[in-house]
């Protein structure tokens, strides 16, 4: 079976299922699709015990009506430790040792240029009141804002003509992400710098020459 770290399910083709003795199949209720979104016909699934070098796990195997689909899923690969993930090691020197600044926990900064925001000539300042924050998030919000000020992301001011509300979104790990809602006025007031990518002008005859010419 081929290892497929991008596969969510372990699959075998119909003739392989026949060769291993036609284990009893159960209906597969979920949809099964390729990476391009095309639906794949399933014959059903059965449970099997998989073992490799002292590691074992029981899991479902989906039988597909396809000629060449015999894949082990990412979950099976991880459980049986079939793949050894090399975390950025090249020779005897890891990427973390070679480029410590790239893997630092400190905040990264753009030092090559300064960003300037230009207001439209008729723009007026907009001071939007704050949005209500859940009581359970207020402590986390205060800690995160203090961290922003400490790292230079935000600068504390006593008063400002401009103000935009923020929204605290909870991350999967339980921490919060602070998002500013600049659609309340600032976005509309900014004179945006638009730099469209030039279109490539090429004739069809030249295009065919690029596609089909060979030596």
Protein backbone atom coordinates (compact mmCIF):
# COMPACT_ATOMS: atom_id res chain seq x y z
CA UNK A 1 0.00 0.00 0.00
CA UNK A 2 1.16 3.52 -0.76
CA UNK A 3 1.62 6.09 1.99
CA UNK A 4 -0.51 9.18 1.40
CA UNK A 5 -0.07 11.85 4.09
CA UNK A 6 -2.76 13.90 2.36
CA UNK A 7 -5.43 11.20 2.58
CA UNK A 8 -8.09 11.28 5.29
CA UNK A 9 -9.09 7.65 4.77
CA UNK A 10 -7.39 4.32 4.16
CA UNK A 11 -8.59 2.78 0.90
CA UNK A 12 -8.14 -0.30 -1.27
CA UNK A 13 -9.43 -1.16 -4.72
CA UNK A 14 -12.10 -3.79 -5.31
CA UNK A 15 -9.81 -6.51 -6.67
CA UNK A 16 -7.51 -6.12 -3.64
CA UNK A 17 -10.54 -6.60 -1.36
CA UNK A 18 -11.35 -9.81 -3.27
CA UNK A 19 -7.77 -11.09 -2.92
CA UNK A 20 -7.80 -10.74 0.88
CA UNK A 21 -10.95 -12.87 1.16
CA UNK A 22 -13.85 -10.42 0.73
CA UNK A 23 -14.24 -9.23 4.36
CA UNK A 24 -17.84 -8.34 5.18
CA UNK A 25 -18.60 -4.75 4.16
CA UNK A 26 -20.68 -2.15 5.93
CA UNK A 27 -22.30 0.76 4.08
CA UNK A 28 -20.10 3.86 3.94
CA UNK A 29 -22.44 6.77 4.70
CA UNK A 30 -20.02 9.66 4.21
CA UNK A 31 -19.10 11.08 0.83
CA UNK A 32 -15.70 10.25 -0.61
CA UNK A 33 -14.06 12.69 -2.99
CA UNK A 34 -10.74 13.31 -4.70
CA UNK A 35 -8.65 16.42 -4.02
CA UNK A 36 -10.29 18.03 -7.06
CA UNK A 37 -13.75 17.52 -5.55
CA UNK A 38 -14.85 14.67 -7.79
CA UNK A 39 -17.02 12.10 -6.02
CA UNK A 40 -15.69 8.53 -5.81
CA UNK A 41 -18.00 5.53 -5.72
CA UNK A 42 -17.56 3.37 -2.62
CA UNK A 43 -18.45 -0.28 -2.20
CA UNK A 44 -18.43 -0.10 1.60
CA UNK A 45 -15.91 -0.43 4.42
CA UNK A 46 -14.59 -2.98 6.91
CA UNK A 47 -12.40 -2.83 10.02
CA UNK A 48 -8.94 -4.34 10.10
CA UNK A 49 -5.99 -4.57 12.47
CA UNK A 50 -2.87 -2.91 11.07
CA UNK A 51 0.57 -3.62 12.54
CA UNK A 52 4.10 -2.49 11.77
CA UNK A 53 7.27 -2.95 13.86
CA UNK A 54 5.56 -3.17 17.22
CA UNK A 55 2.88 -0.58 16.52
CA UNK A 56 -0.73 -1.66 15.98
CA UNK A 57 -4.07 0.01 15.45
CA UNK A 58 -7.56 -0.96 14.37
CA UNK A 59 -9.23 1.19 11.78
CA UNK A 60 -11.64 1.29 8.86
CA UNK A 61 -10.65 0.52 5.28
CA UNK A 62 -12.89 1.87 2.51
CA UNK A 63 -13.28 -0.21 -0.64
CA UNK A 64 -13.41 2.03 -3.71
CA UNK A 65 -14.62 1.24 -7.18
CA UNK A 66 -11.32 2.40 -8.67
CA UNK A 67 -8.51 0.37 -10.27
CA UNK A 68 -5.43 1.92 -8.63
CA UNK A 69 -6.34 3.29 -5.21
CA UNK A 70 -4.51 1.52 -2.37
CA UNK A 71 -3.59 4.19 0.16
CA UNK A 72 -2.80 4.36 3.87
CA UNK A 73 -4.24 7.49 5.48
CA UNK A 74 -2.32 10.14 7.38
CA UNK A 75 -3.75 8.85 10.67
CA UNK A 76 -2.46 5.33 10.04
CA UNK A 77 0.93 6.70 8.98
CA UNK A 78 1.23 8.64 12.23
CA UNK A 79 -0.06 5.84 14.49
CA UNK A 80 2.24 3.21 13.01
CA UNK A 81 5.14 5.70 12.70
CA UNK A 82 5.66 4.80 9.05
CA UNK A 83 7.22 8.18 8.25
CA UNK A 84 10.00 9.90 10.14
CA UNK A 85 9.47 13.64 9.89
CA UNK A 86 12.72 15.55 9.58
CA UNK A 87 12.13 18.97 11.10
CA UNK A 88 14.39 21.13 9.01
CA UNK A 89 17.64 19.19 9.40
CA UNK A 90 20.16 19.43 6.58
CA UNK A 91 23.23 17.30 7.23
CA UNK A 92 24.47 17.93 10.74
CA UNK A 93 23.11 21.51 10.90
CA UNK A 94 19.42 22.23 11.52
CA UNK A 95 17.69 25.23 9.94
CA UNK A 96 16.95 26.53 13.43
CA UNK A 97 20.68 26.63 14.20
CA UNK A 98 21.56 28.13 10.83
CA UNK A 99 18.84 30.82 10.84
CA UNK A 100 17.97 31.46 14.51
CA UNK A 101 16.26 34.78 13.75
CA UNK A 102 13.67 33.07 11.55
CA UNK A 103 12.65 30.71 14.36
CA UNK A 104 12.76 33.25 17.16
CA UNK A 105 9.68 33.81 19.33
CA UNK A 106 10.24 37.56 19.06
CA UNK A 107 8.05 39.73 16.87
CA UNK A 108 9.27 40.10 13.30
CA UNK A 109 9.58 43.56 11.78
CA UNK A 110 9.74 44.97 8.27
CA UNK A 111 12.87 47.14 8.21
CA UNK A 112 13.24 47.68 4.45
CA UNK A 113 10.59 50.38 4.07
CA UNK A 114 8.13 52.54 5.99
CA UNK A 115 4.40 52.32 5.34
CA UNK A 116 2.53 55.61 5.04
CA UNK A 117 -1.26 55.89 5.04
CA UNK A 118 -2.70 58.72 2.95
CA UNK A 119 -6.18 60.08 3.61
CA UNK A 120 -8.52 61.24 0.90
CA UNK A 121 -8.79 65.06 0.65
CA UNK A 122 -12.39 65.06 1.90
CA UNK A 123 -11.85 62.45 4.64
CA UNK A 124 -13.07 63.12 8.17
CA UNK A 125 -12.01 61.34 11.31
CA UNK A 126 -14.33 58.60 12.57
CA UNK A 127 -14.45 57.70 16.26
CA UNK A 128 -16.43 54.47 16.64
CA UNK A 129 -17.38 53.27 20.14
CA UNK A 130 -15.99 49.96 21.36
CA UNK A 131 -17.87 46.73 20.84
CA UNK A 132 -19.02 44.84 23.94
CA UNK A 133 -16.68 42.04 24.98
CA UNK A 134 -17.73 38.84 26.71
CA UNK A 135 -16.95 38.96 30.41
CA UNK A 136 -15.08 35.65 30.13
CA UNK A 137 -12.67 37.18 27.57
CA UNK A 138 -11.94 40.50 29.27
CA UNK A 139 -8.94 39.24 31.26
CA UNK A 140 -7.40 37.54 28.22
CA UNK A 141 -8.06 40.67 26.16
CA UNK A 142 -6.24 42.87 28.66
CA UNK A 143 -3.25 40.51 28.76
CA UNK A 144 -3.05 40.42 24.95
CA UNK A 145 -3.29 44.21 24.64
CA UNK A 146 -0.52 44.62 27.24
CA UNK A 147 1.61 42.22 25.20
CA UNK A 148 0.99 44.28 22.04
CA UNK A 149 2.10 47.45 23.82
CA UNK A 150 5.18 45.74 25.29
CA UNK A 151 6.25 44.43 21.86
CA UNK A 152 5.69 47.74 20.12
CA UNK A 153 2.70 46.58 18.09
CA UNK A 154 0.46 49.19 19.72
CA UNK A 155 1.31 52.56 21.24
CA UNK A 156 -0.68 53.81 24.20
CA UNK A 157 -2.42 57.19 23.72
CA UNK A 158 -4.74 59.16 25.99
CA UNK A 159 -7.00 60.45 23.23
CA UNK A 160 -7.40 60.10 19.46
CA UNK A 161 -9.63 61.53 16.74
CA UNK A 162 -9.74 58.10 15.14
CA UNK A 163 -11.02 54.94 16.80
CA UNK A 164 -12.09 51.56 15.46
CA UNK A 165 -13.70 48.75 17.46
CA UNK A 166 -11.93 45.47 18.03
CA UNK A 167 -13.26 41.93 18.12
CA UNK A 168 -11.73 39.15 20.22
CA UNK A 169 -11.90 35.82 18.36
CA UNK A 170 -11.06 32.64 20.23
CA UNK A 171 -8.40 30.41 18.67
CA UNK A 172 -8.60 26.59 18.67
CA UNK A 173 -5.88 26.51 21.36
CA UNK A 174 -8.01 28.61 23.73
CA UNK A 175 -6.09 31.87 23.26
CA UNK A 176 -7.65 34.90 21.58
CA UNK A 177 -6.89 36.79 18.40
CA UNK A 178 -7.57 40.54 18.39
CA UNK A 179 -9.04 41.84 15.13
CA UNK A 180 -9.61 45.53 14.40
CA UNK A 181 -12.69 46.44 12.36
CA UNK A 182 -11.38 49.22 10.12
CA UNK A 183 -14.45 48.96 7.88
CA UNK A 184 -16.15 51.34 10.33
CA UNK A 185 -14.52 54.35 8.71
CA UNK A 186 -10.78 54.15 8.16
CA UNK A 187 -10.87 51.91 5.09
CA UNK A 188 -13.22 54.29 3.27
CA UNK A 189 -11.13 57.33 4.23
CA UNK A 190 -7.84 55.96 2.93
CA UNK A 191 -6.55 56.85 -0.51
CA UNK A 192 -5.43 53.38 -1.57
CA UNK A 193 -2.36 52.81 -3.73
CA UNK A 194 -3.41 50.47 -6.51
CA UNK A 195 -0.71 48.70 -8.49
CA UNK A 196 -2.44 46.29 -10.89
CA UNK A 197 -0.29 43.58 -12.42
CA UNK A 198 0.25 44.33 -16.15
CA UNK A 199 -1.48 41.97 -18.50
CA UNK A 200 0.65 39.85 -20.80
CA UNK A 201 -0.19 40.58 -24.41
CA UNK A 202 0.60 37.64 -26.65
CA UNK A 203 -0.91 36.43 -29.88
CA UNK A 204 -2.53 33.02 -30.25
CA UNK A 205 0.04 32.01 -32.86
CA UNK A 206 2.87 32.83 -30.47
CA UNK A 207 1.06 31.01 -27.66
CA UNK A 208 0.77 27.86 -29.78
CA UNK A 209 4.47 28.14 -30.53
CA UNK A 210 5.24 28.23 -26.81
CA UNK A 211 3.04 25.21 -26.15
CA UNK A 212 4.08 22.95 -28.99
CA UNK A 213 7.56 23.96 -30.12
CA UNK A 214 10.34 21.49 -29.37
CA UNK A 215 13.81 20.66 -30.60
